[in-house]
């Protein structure tokens, strides 16, 4: 399982489907509207269903029932809708197998939504941060899809999963991935986002998630926030007790508002435990 083989896997990743391509086009068009975006989304049953299901779940905390896709798209905003489009695209992959990481496609979609919802609540009203973090938080674990496919291909699923289950933190997972693959899931994600022509701030923030101080100064806050969220909520602790202690240590280290973070975390974790 050489790094070169894995990078070949990245380049062989299926091209974005029609829905994602059209969603990106609308979102990148200065004249693109919510109505235009809703028209694209409603032609994709899975994306429509995922958006409406999330809009009416307690996770995002909307105060009223959302019945139509145009209303849902308007409330979520373009960046989060892009996230749902990408998530649905990934769920459609016939060979999607995340068993080496101890989850399935539905779990992966669920944790992506949890990470996105947490970011939306944590930085509510801070458009300058959310412009980068809303979509980035939705996609920051995509690299695990590529690494899992390599493990499955080499028939090492049980062995890798056993190692993963022994680990307690995302830092330990990073060390295991470097040992096994020579590259981390964050680096793979960054490469994919770069291939998909995302904003450079997005893939650079993910690339430096474990070492925010290595990012350009203006990007460090994004990498720090992603590290906090991924420590608290990740595929690794999905369905388990979130790493609140680890997340709070990072919140204090980076100077985020601890009381506000604890308030948001308490609200979301209570929702997820129901």
C-alpha atoms as a PDB file:
ATOM      1  CA  UNK A   1       0.000   0.000   0.000  1.00  0.00           C
ATOM      2  CA  UNK A   2       2.397   2.642  -1.243  1.00  0.00           C
ATOM      3  CA  UNK A   3       1.666   6.359  -1.260  1.00  0.00           C
ATOM      4  CA  UNK A   4       2.022   6.324  -5.059  1.00  0.00           C
ATOM      5  CA  UNK A   5      -0.732   3.703  -5.355  1.00  0.00           C
ATOM      6  CA  UNK A   6      -2.984   5.761  -3.133  1.00  0.00           C
ATOM      7  CA  UNK A   7      -2.411   8.935  -5.138  1.00  0.00           C
ATOM      8  CA  UNK A   8      -3.345   6.960  -8.247  1.00  0.00           C
ATOM      9  CA  UNK A   9      -6.593   6.076  -6.464  1.00  0.00           C
ATOM     10  CA  UNK A  10      -7.232   9.757  -5.873  1.00  0.00           C
ATOM     11  CA  UNK A  11      -6.751  10.563  -9.544  1.00  0.00           C
ATOM     12  CA  UNK A  12      -9.086   7.688 -10.437  1.00  0.00           C
ATOM     13  CA  UNK A  13     -11.824   8.996  -8.129  1.00  0.00           C
ATOM     14  CA  UNK A  14     -15.096   9.174 -10.113  1.00  0.00           C
ATOM     15  CA  UNK A  15     -15.792  12.541 -11.749  1.00  0.00           C
ATOM     16  CA  UNK A  16     -18.399  14.700 -10.071  1.00  0.00           C
ATOM     17  CA  UNK A  17     -21.918  13.852 -11.144  1.00  0.00           C
ATOM     18  CA  UNK A  18     -24.305  16.134 -13.011  1.00  0.00           C
ATOM     19  CA  UNK A  19     -26.026  17.402  -9.866  1.00  0.00           C
ATOM     20  CA  UNK A  20     -22.816  18.475  -8.140  1.00  0.00           C
ATOM     21  CA  UNK A  21     -21.493  20.085 -11.326  1.00  0.00           C
ATOM     22  CA  UNK A  22     -24.674  22.101 -11.800  1.00  0.00           C
ATOM     23  CA  UNK A  23     -24.888  23.018  -8.096  1.00  0.00           C
ATOM     24  CA  UNK A  24     -21.312  24.288  -8.209  1.00  0.00           C
ATOM     25  CA  UNK A  25     -22.046  26.265 -11.376  1.00  0.00           C
ATOM     26  CA  UNK A  26     -25.044  28.007  -9.806  1.00  0.00           C
ATOM     27  CA  UNK A  27     -23.160  28.744  -6.584  1.00  0.00           C
ATOM     28  CA  UNK A  28     -20.172  30.152  -8.480  1.00  0.00           C
ATOM     29  CA  UNK A  29     -22.353  32.347 -10.698  1.00  0.00           C
ATOM     30  CA  UNK A  30     -22.674  35.863  -9.263  1.00  0.00           C
ATOM     31  CA  UNK A  31     -26.190  35.911 -10.682  1.00  0.00           C
ATOM     32  CA  UNK A  32     -27.091  32.468  -9.349  1.00  0.00           C
ATOM     33  CA  UNK A  33     -30.148  32.440  -7.112  1.00  0.00           C
ATOM     34  CA  UNK A  34     -31.753  30.208  -4.516  1.00  0.00           C
ATOM     35  CA  UNK A  35     -34.463  29.476  -7.060  1.00  0.00           C
ATOM     36  CA  UNK A  36     -31.893  28.339  -9.622  1.00  0.00           C
ATOM     37  CA  UNK A  37     -30.233  26.129  -7.024  1.00  0.00           C
ATOM     38  CA  UNK A  38     -33.538  24.600  -5.943  1.00  0.00           C
ATOM     39  CA  UNK A  39     -34.352  23.729  -9.567  1.00  0.00           C
ATOM     40  CA  UNK A  40     -31.101  21.798  -9.864  1.00  0.00           C
ATOM     41  CA  UNK A  41     -31.520  20.014  -6.536  1.00  0.00           C
ATOM     42  CA  UNK A  42     -35.121  18.948  -7.095  1.00  0.00           C
ATOM     43  CA  UNK A  43     -34.032  16.941 -10.145  1.00  0.00           C
ATOM     44  CA  UNK A  44     -31.938  14.721  -7.878  1.00  0.00           C
ATOM     45  CA  UNK A  45     -34.211  12.619  -5.622  1.00  0.00           C
ATOM     46  CA  UNK A  46     -31.466  11.591  -3.175  1.00  0.00           C
ATOM     47  CA  UNK A  47     -30.133  15.113  -2.663  1.00  0.00           C
ATOM     48  CA  UNK A  48     -33.671  16.457  -2.267  1.00  0.00           C
ATOM     49  CA  UNK A  49     -34.557  13.771   0.264  1.00  0.00           C
ATOM     50  CA  UNK A  50     -31.355  14.309   2.253  1.00  0.00           C
ATOM     51  CA  UNK A  51     -31.847  18.066   2.426  1.00  0.00           C
ATOM     52  CA  UNK A  52     -35.494  17.855   3.481  1.00  0.00           C
ATOM     53  CA  UNK A  53     -34.764  15.154   6.043  1.00  0.00           C
ATOM     54  CA  UNK A  54     -32.008  17.268   7.602  1.00  0.00           C
ATOM     55  CA  UNK A  55     -34.104  20.430   7.495  1.00  0.00           C
ATOM     56  CA  UNK A  56     -36.776  18.740   9.589  1.00  0.00           C
ATOM     57  CA  UNK A  57     -34.429  17.002  12.014  1.00  0.00           C
ATOM     58  CA  UNK A  58     -33.657  18.572  15.395  1.00  0.00           C
ATOM     59  CA  UNK A  59     -29.972  18.647  14.437  1.00  0.00           C
ATOM     60  CA  UNK A  60     -30.181  21.971  12.634  1.00  0.00           C
ATOM     61  CA  UNK A  61     -32.809  23.356  14.988  1.00  0.00           C
ATOM     62  CA  UNK A  62     -35.138  25.101  12.547  1.00  0.00           C
ATOM     63  CA  UNK A  63     -38.222  26.387  14.320  1.00  0.00           C
ATOM     64  CA  UNK A  64     -40.824  25.293  11.784  1.00  0.00           C
ATOM     65  CA  UNK A  65     -41.570  22.402   9.460  1.00  0.00           C
ATOM     66  CA  UNK A  66     -39.834  22.688   6.102  1.00  0.00           C
ATOM     67  CA  UNK A  67     -42.051  21.267   3.384  1.00  0.00           C
ATOM     68  CA  UNK A  68     -40.533  22.442   0.104  1.00  0.00           C
ATOM     69  CA  UNK A  69     -37.055  22.157  -1.344  1.00  0.00           C
ATOM     70  CA  UNK A  70     -36.913  25.857  -2.274  1.00  0.00           C
ATOM     71  CA  UNK A  71     -37.620  26.805   1.335  1.00  0.00           C
ATOM     72  CA  UNK A  72     -34.999  24.333   2.573  1.00  0.00           C
ATOM     73  CA  UNK A  73     -32.362  25.585   0.128  1.00  0.00           C
ATOM     74  CA  UNK A  74     -33.080  29.167   1.149  1.00  0.00           C
ATOM     75  CA  UNK A  75     -32.705  28.390   4.856  1.00  0.00           C
ATOM     76  CA  UNK A  76     -29.576  26.261   4.518  1.00  0.00           C
ATOM     77  CA  UNK A  77     -27.782  28.568   2.100  1.00  0.00           C
ATOM     78  CA  UNK A  78     -25.609  27.703  -0.861  1.00  0.00           C
ATOM     79  CA  UNK A  79     -22.553  26.377   0.973  1.00  0.00           C
ATOM     80  CA  UNK A  80     -24.471  23.808   3.012  1.00  0.00           C
ATOM     81  CA  UNK A  81     -26.515  22.776  -0.020  1.00  0.00           C
ATOM     82  CA  UNK A  82     -23.241  22.153  -1.858  1.00  0.00           C
ATOM     83  CA  UNK A  83     -22.281  19.917   1.037  1.00  0.00           C
ATOM     84  CA  UNK A  84     -25.490  17.905   0.727  1.00  0.00           C
ATOM     85  CA  UNK A  85     -24.961  17.575  -3.026  1.00  0.00           C
ATOM     86  CA  UNK A  86     -21.446  16.210  -2.488  1.00  0.00           C
ATOM     87  CA  UNK A  87     -22.612  13.913   0.314  1.00  0.00           C
ATOM     88  CA  UNK A  88     -25.342  12.485  -1.909  1.00  0.00           C
ATOM     89  CA  UNK A  89     -22.841  12.028  -4.737  1.00  0.00           C
ATOM     90  CA  UNK A  90     -20.602   9.999  -2.437  1.00  0.00           C
ATOM     91  CA  UNK A  91     -23.517   7.904  -1.183  1.00  0.00           C
ATOM     92  CA  UNK A  92     -24.279   6.933  -4.790  1.00  0.00           C
ATOM     93  CA  UNK A  93     -20.842   5.335  -5.233  1.00  0.00           C
ATOM     94  CA  UNK A  94     -21.618   1.629  -5.712  1.00  0.00           C
ATOM     95  CA  UNK A  95     -18.277   0.574  -4.214  1.00  0.00           C
ATOM     96  CA  UNK A  96     -18.404   2.865  -1.172  1.00  0.00           C
ATOM     97  CA  UNK A  97     -17.125   0.721   1.687  1.00  0.00           C
ATOM     98  CA  UNK A  98     -15.996   2.339   4.921  1.00  0.00           C
ATOM     99  CA  UNK A  99     -15.924  -0.875   6.948  1.00  0.00           C
ATOM    100  CA  UNK A 100     -12.186  -0.474   7.695  1.00  0.00           C
ATOM    101  CA  UNK A 101     -13.097   2.625   9.714  1.00  0.00           C
ATOM    102  CA  UNK A 102     -15.996   0.848  11.419  1.00  0.00           C
ATOM    103  CA  UNK A 103     -18.821   2.779   9.726  1.00  0.00           C
ATOM    104  CA  UNK A 104     -21.079   2.525   6.678  1.00  0.00           C
ATOM    105  CA  UNK A 105     -22.242   5.068   4.098  1.00  0.00           C
ATOM    106  CA  UNK A 106     -25.221   6.144   6.194  1.00  0.00           C
ATOM    107  CA  UNK A 107     -23.002   6.722   9.246  1.00  0.00           C
ATOM    108  CA  UNK A 108     -20.623   8.766   7.113  1.00  0.00           C
ATOM    109  CA  UNK A 109     -23.427  10.992   5.847  1.00  0.00           C
ATOM    110  CA  UNK A 110     -24.749  11.410   9.373  1.00  0.00           C
ATOM    111  CA  UNK A 111     -21.433  12.484  10.895  1.00  0.00           C
ATOM    112  CA  UNK A 112     -20.861  14.901   7.999  1.00  0.00           C
ATOM    113  CA  UNK A 113     -24.193  16.539   8.800  1.00  0.00           C
ATOM    114  CA  UNK A 114     -23.346  16.668  12.509  1.00  0.00           C
ATOM    115  CA  UNK A 115     -20.024  18.364  11.801  1.00  0.00           C
ATOM    116  CA  UNK A 116     -21.672  20.869   9.476  1.00  0.00           C
ATOM    117  CA  UNK A 117     -24.522  21.621  11.881  1.00  0.00           C
ATOM    118  CA  UNK A 118     -22.072  22.140  14.728  1.00  0.00           C
ATOM    119  CA  UNK A 119     -20.018  24.619  12.714  1.00  0.00           C
ATOM    120  CA  UNK A 120     -23.178  26.464  11.647  1.00  0.00           C
ATOM    121  CA  UNK A 121     -24.252  26.903  15.281  1.00  0.00           C
ATOM    122  CA  UNK A 122     -20.794  27.579  16.694  1.00  0.00           C
ATOM    123  CA  UNK A 123     -20.040  30.402  14.261  1.00  0.00           C
ATOM    124  CA  UNK A 124     -23.587  31.611  13.663  1.00  0.00           C
ATOM    125  CA  UNK A 125     -23.561  35.147  12.314  1.00  0.00           C
ATOM    126  CA  UNK A 126     -19.837  35.097  11.445  1.00  0.00           C
ATOM    127  CA  UNK A 127     -20.057  35.059   7.668  1.00  0.00           C
ATOM    128  CA  UNK A 128     -16.328  35.494   7.085  1.00  0.00           C
ATOM    129  CA  UNK A 129     -15.639  32.201   8.858  1.00  0.00           C
ATOM    130  CA  UNK A 130     -18.694  30.297   7.677  1.00  0.00           C
ATOM    131  CA  UNK A 131     -17.941  31.077   4.021  1.00  0.00           C
ATOM    132  CA  UNK A 132     -14.989  28.698   4.370  1.00  0.00           C
ATOM    133  CA  UNK A 133     -16.068  26.316   7.119  1.00  0.00           C
ATOM    134  CA  UNK A 134     -19.630  25.373   6.155  1.00  0.00           C
ATOM    135  CA  UNK A 135     -18.685  23.323   3.119  1.00  0.00           C
ATOM    136  CA  UNK A 136     -15.249  22.332   4.406  1.00  0.00           C
ATOM    137  CA  UNK A 137     -16.760  20.831   7.567  1.00  0.00           C
ATOM    138  CA  UNK A 138     -19.128  18.768   5.441  1.00  0.00           C
ATOM    139  CA  UNK A 139     -16.323  17.177   3.446  1.00  0.00           C
ATOM    140  CA  UNK A 140     -13.341  16.996   5.790  1.00  0.00           C
ATOM    141  CA  UNK A 141     -13.419  13.179   6.146  1.00  0.00           C
ATOM    142  CA  UNK A 142     -13.782  12.333   2.439  1.00  0.00           C
ATOM    143  CA  UNK A 143     -10.199  11.106   2.305  1.00  0.00           C
ATOM    144  CA  UNK A 144     -11.169   8.111   4.416  1.00  0.00           C
ATOM    145  CA  UNK A 145     -13.199   6.812   1.458  1.00  0.00           C
ATOM    146  CA  UNK A 146     -10.033   6.509  -0.620  1.00  0.00           C
ATOM    147  CA  UNK A 147      -7.942   4.962   2.163  1.00  0.00           C
ATOM    148  CA  UNK A 148     -10.717   2.510   3.061  1.00  0.00           C
ATOM    149  CA  UNK A 149     -10.925   1.371  -0.567  1.00  0.00           C
ATOM    150  CA  UNK A 150      -7.195   0.584  -0.505  1.00  0.00           C
ATOM    151  CA  UNK A 151      -7.589  -1.485   2.668  1.00  0.00           C
ATOM    152  CA  UNK A 152     -10.534  -3.396   1.186  1.00  0.00           C
ATOM    153  CA  UNK A 153      -8.647  -4.000  -2.056  1.00  0.00           C
ATOM    154  CA  UNK A 154      -5.772  -5.563  -0.106  1.00  0.00           C
ATOM    155  CA  UNK A 155      -8.196  -7.642   1.995  1.00  0.00           C
ATOM    156  CA  UNK A 156      -6.992  -6.070   5.226  1.00  0.00           C
ATOM    157  CA  UNK A 157     -10.344  -4.785   6.496  1.00  0.00           C
ATOM    158  CA  UNK A 158     -10.515  -6.783   9.727  1.00  0.00           C
ATOM    159  CA  UNK A 159      -6.872  -6.137  10.573  1.00  0.00           C
ATOM    160  CA  UNK A 160      -7.112  -2.371   9.973  1.00  0.00           C
ATOM    161  CA  UNK A 161     -10.446  -2.095  11.779  1.00  0.00           C
ATOM    162  CA  UNK A 162      -8.978  -3.860  14.806  1.00  0.00           C
ATOM    163  CA  UNK A 163      -6.171  -1.301  14.935  1.00  0.00           C
ATOM    164  CA  UNK A 164      -8.625   1.584  14.542  1.00  0.00           C
ATOM    165  CA  UNK A 165     -10.790   0.293  17.394  1.00  0.00           C
ATOM    166  CA  UNK A 166      -7.788   0.418  19.739  1.00  0.00           C
ATOM    167  CA  UNK A 167      -7.249   4.134  19.120  1.00  0.00           C
ATOM    168  CA  UNK A 168      -8.756   6.976  21.110  1.00  0.00           C
ATOM    169  CA  UNK A 169      -7.997  10.177  19.205  1.00  0.00           C
ATOM    170  CA  UNK A 170      -7.780  11.597  15.701  1.00  0.00           C
ATOM    171  CA  UNK A 171      -4.089  12.207  16.303  1.00  0.00           C
ATOM    172  CA  UNK A 172      -3.553   8.479  16.878  1.00  0.00           C
ATOM    173  CA  UNK A 173      -5.502   7.744  13.682  1.00  0.00           C
ATOM    174  CA  UNK A 174      -3.234  10.158  11.842  1.00  0.00           C
ATOM    175  CA  UNK A 175      -0.175   8.276  13.132  1.00  0.00           C
ATOM    176  CA  UNK A 176      -1.652   4.916  12.081  1.00  0.00           C
ATOM    177  CA  UNK A 177      -2.473   6.217   8.587  1.00  0.00           C
ATOM    178  CA  UNK A 178       1.046   7.579   8.170  1.00  0.00           C
ATOM    179  CA  UNK A 179       2.472   4.213   9.244  1.00  0.00           C
ATOM    180  CA  UNK A 180       0.217   2.166   6.961  1.00  0.00           C
ATOM    181  CA  UNK A 181      -0.235   4.455   3.950  1.00  0.00           C
ATOM    182  CA  UNK A 182       2.421   7.147   4.243  1.00  0.00           C
ATOM    183  CA  UNK A 183      -0.335   9.738   3.945  1.00  0.00           C
ATOM    184  CA  UNK A 184      -3.321  10.879   6.055  1.00  0.00           C
ATOM    185  CA  UNK A 185      -7.008  11.093   5.263  1.00  0.00           C
ATOM    186  CA  UNK A 186      -6.758  14.895   5.685  1.00  0.00           C
ATOM    187  CA  UNK A 187      -4.078  15.128   2.998  1.00  0.00           C
ATOM    188  CA  UNK A 188      -6.183  12.969   0.655  1.00  0.00           C
ATOM    189  CA  UNK A 189      -9.201  15.202   1.297  1.00  0.00           C
ATOM    190  CA  UNK A 190      -7.134  18.308   0.570  1.00  0.00           C
ATOM    191  CA  UNK A 191      -5.920  16.813  -2.713  1.00  0.00           C
ATOM    192  CA  UNK A 192      -9.469  15.944  -3.748  1.00  0.00           C
ATOM    193  CA  UNK A 193     -10.783  19.430  -2.939  1.00  0.00           C
ATOM    194  CA  UNK A 194      -7.909  20.909  -4.927  1.00  0.00           C
ATOM    195  CA  UNK A 195      -8.747  18.619  -7.845  1.00  0.00           C
ATOM    196  CA  UNK A 196     -12.352  19.797  -7.630  1.00  0.00           C
ATOM    197  CA  UNK A 197     -11.234  23.446  -7.815  1.00  0.00           C
ATOM    198  CA  UNK A 198     -12.357  24.449  -4.342  1.00  0.00           C
ATOM    199  CA  UNK A 199     -11.246  27.640  -2.658  1.00  0.00           C
ATOM    200  CA  UNK A 200      -7.571  27.265  -1.684  1.00  0.00           C
ATOM    201  CA  UNK A 201      -8.418  28.264   1.900  1.00  0.00           C
ATOM    202  CA  UNK A 202     -10.582  25.145   2.204  1.00  0.00           C
ATOM    203  CA  UNK A 203      -8.059  22.518   1.204  1.00  0.00           C
ATOM    204  CA  UNK A 204      -5.203  24.305   2.956  1.00  0.00           C
ATOM    205  CA  UNK A 205      -7.186  24.403   6.209  1.00  0.00           C
ATOM    206  CA  UNK A 206      -7.848  20.663   6.005  1.00  0.00           C
ATOM    207  CA  UNK A 207      -4.257  19.907   5.017  1.00  0.00           C
ATOM    208  CA  UNK A 208      -3.050  21.699   8.164  1.00  0.00           C
ATOM    209  CA  UNK A 209      -5.792  20.445  10.472  1.00  0.00           C
ATOM    210  CA  UNK A 210      -3.382  18.654  12.811  1.00  0.00           C
ATOM    211  CA  UNK A 211      -0.834  21.481  12.735  1.00  0.00           C
ATOM    212  CA  UNK A 212      -2.706  24.788  12.311  1.00  0.00           C
ATOM    213  CA  UNK A 213       0.436  26.764  13.082  1.00  0.00           C
ATOM    214  CA  UNK A 214       1.884  25.557   9.766  1.00  0.00           C
ATOM    215  CA  UNK A 215      -0.935  27.209   7.814  1.00  0.00           C
ATOM    216  CA  UNK A 216      -0.660  30.776   6.565  1.00  0.00           C
ATOM    217  CA  UNK A 217      -1.574  33.141   9.375  1.00  0.00           C
ATOM    218  CA  UNK A 218      -4.911  34.131   7.844  1.00  0.00           C
ATOM    219  CA  UNK A 219      -5.895  30.462   7.478  1.00  0.00           C
ATOM    220  CA  UNK A 220      -4.938  29.243  10.932  1.00  0.00           C
ATOM    221  CA  UNK A 221      -8.354  29.987  12.490  1.00  0.00           C
ATOM    222  CA  UNK A 222     -10.024  27.699   9.947  1.00  0.00           C
ATOM    223  CA  UNK A 223      -7.629  24.822  10.583  1.00  0.00           C
ATOM    224  CA  UNK A 224      -8.015  25.327  14.339  1.00  0.00           C
ATOM    225  CA  UNK A 225     -11.811  25.234  14.141  1.00  0.00           C
ATOM    226  CA  UNK A 226     -11.784  22.095  11.992  1.00  0.00           C
ATOM    227  CA  UNK A 227      -9.419  20.383  14.415  1.00  0.00           C
ATOM    228  CA  UNK A 228     -11.750  21.199  17.309  1.00  0.00           C
ATOM    229  CA  UNK A 229     -14.841  19.911  15.488  1.00  0.00           C
ATOM    230  CA  UNK A 230     -13.144  16.759  14.230  1.00  0.00           C
ATOM    231  CA  UNK A 231     -11.826  16.049  17.722  1.00  0.00           C
ATOM    232  CA  UNK A 232     -15.315  16.382  19.176  1.00  0.00           C
ATOM    233  CA  UNK A 233     -17.244  14.716  16.352  1.00  0.00           C
ATOM    234  CA  UNK A 234     -15.617  12.351  13.889  1.00  0.00           C
ATOM    235  CA  UNK A 235     -16.225   9.047  12.172  1.00  0.00           C
ATOM    236  CA  UNK A 236     -13.996   7.527  14.842  1.00  0.00           C
ATOM    237  CA  UNK A 237     -16.276   8.361  17.750  1.00  0.00           C
ATOM    238  CA  UNK A 238     -19.536   8.074  15.824  1.00  0.00           C
ATOM    239  CA  UNK A 239     -22.081   6.432  18.097  1.00  0.00           C
ATOM    240  CA  UNK A 240     -19.653   6.702  21.021  1.00  0.00           C
ATOM    241  CA  UNK A 241     -18.978   9.318  23.679  1.00  0.00           C
ATOM    242  CA  UNK A 242     -17.677  12.497  21.955  1.00  0.00           C
ATOM    243  CA  UNK A 243     -14.224  13.682  22.967  1.00  0.00           C
ATOM    244  CA  UNK A 244     -15.396  16.776  24.855  1.00  0.00           C
ATOM    245  CA  UNK A 245     -12.260  16.892  26.966  1.00  0.00           C
ATOM    246  CA  UNK A 246      -9.965  16.907  23.948  1.00  0.00           C
ATOM    247  CA  UNK A 247     -12.086  19.488  22.134  1.00  0.00           C
ATOM    248  CA  UNK A 248     -12.177  21.819  25.147  1.00  0.00           C
ATOM    249  CA  UNK A 249      -8.406  21.614  25.514  1.00  0.00           C
ATOM    250  CA  UNK A 250      -8.077  22.831  21.920  1.00  0.00           C
ATOM    251  CA  UNK A 251     -10.726  25.529  22.422  1.00  0.00           C
ATOM    252  CA  UNK A 252      -8.681  26.930  25.304  1.00  0.00           C
ATOM    253  CA  UNK A 253      -5.390  26.520  23.428  1.00  0.00           C
ATOM    254  CA  UNK A 254      -6.646  28.513  20.444  1.00  0.00           C
ATOM    255  CA  UNK A 255      -8.493  31.157  22.444  1.00  0.00           C
ATOM    256  CA  UNK A 256     -12.031  30.401  21.312  1.00  0.00           C
ATOM    257  CA  UNK A 257     -14.899  31.427  23.586  1.00  0.00           C
ATOM    258  CA  UNK A 258     -15.093  28.405  25.911  1.00  0.00           C
ATOM    259  CA  UNK A 259     -18.511  29.205  27.398  1.00  0.00           C
ATOM    260  CA  UNK A 260     -20.087  29.613  23.972  1.00  0.00           C
ATOM    261  CA  UNK A 261     -18.490  26.416  22.701  1.00  0.00           C
ATOM    262  CA  UNK A 262     -19.737  24.465  25.727  1.00  0.00           C
ATOM    263  CA  UNK A 263     -23.245  25.843  25.205  1.00  0.00           C
ATOM    264  CA  UNK A 264     -23.328  24.804  21.548  1.00  0.00           C
ATOM    265  CA  UNK A 265     -21.800  21.415  22.326  1.00  0.00           C
ATOM    266  CA  UNK A 266     -24.258  20.696  25.131  1.00  0.00           C
ATOM    267  CA  UNK A 267     -27.191  21.538  22.873  1.00  0.00           C
ATOM    268  CA  UNK A 268     -26.036  19.437  19.941  1.00  0.00           C
ATOM    269  CA  UNK A 269     -24.835  16.439  21.914  1.00  0.00           C
ATOM    270  CA  UNK A 270     -28.167  16.311  23.729  1.00  0.00           C
ATOM    271  CA  UNK A 271     -29.952  16.260  20.365  1.00  0.00           C
ATOM    272  CA  UNK A 272     -27.731  13.471  19.056  1.00  0.00           C
ATOM    273  CA  UNK A 273     -28.276  11.332  22.135  1.00  0.00           C
ATOM    274  CA  UNK A 274     -32.059  11.328  21.702  1.00  0.00           C
END
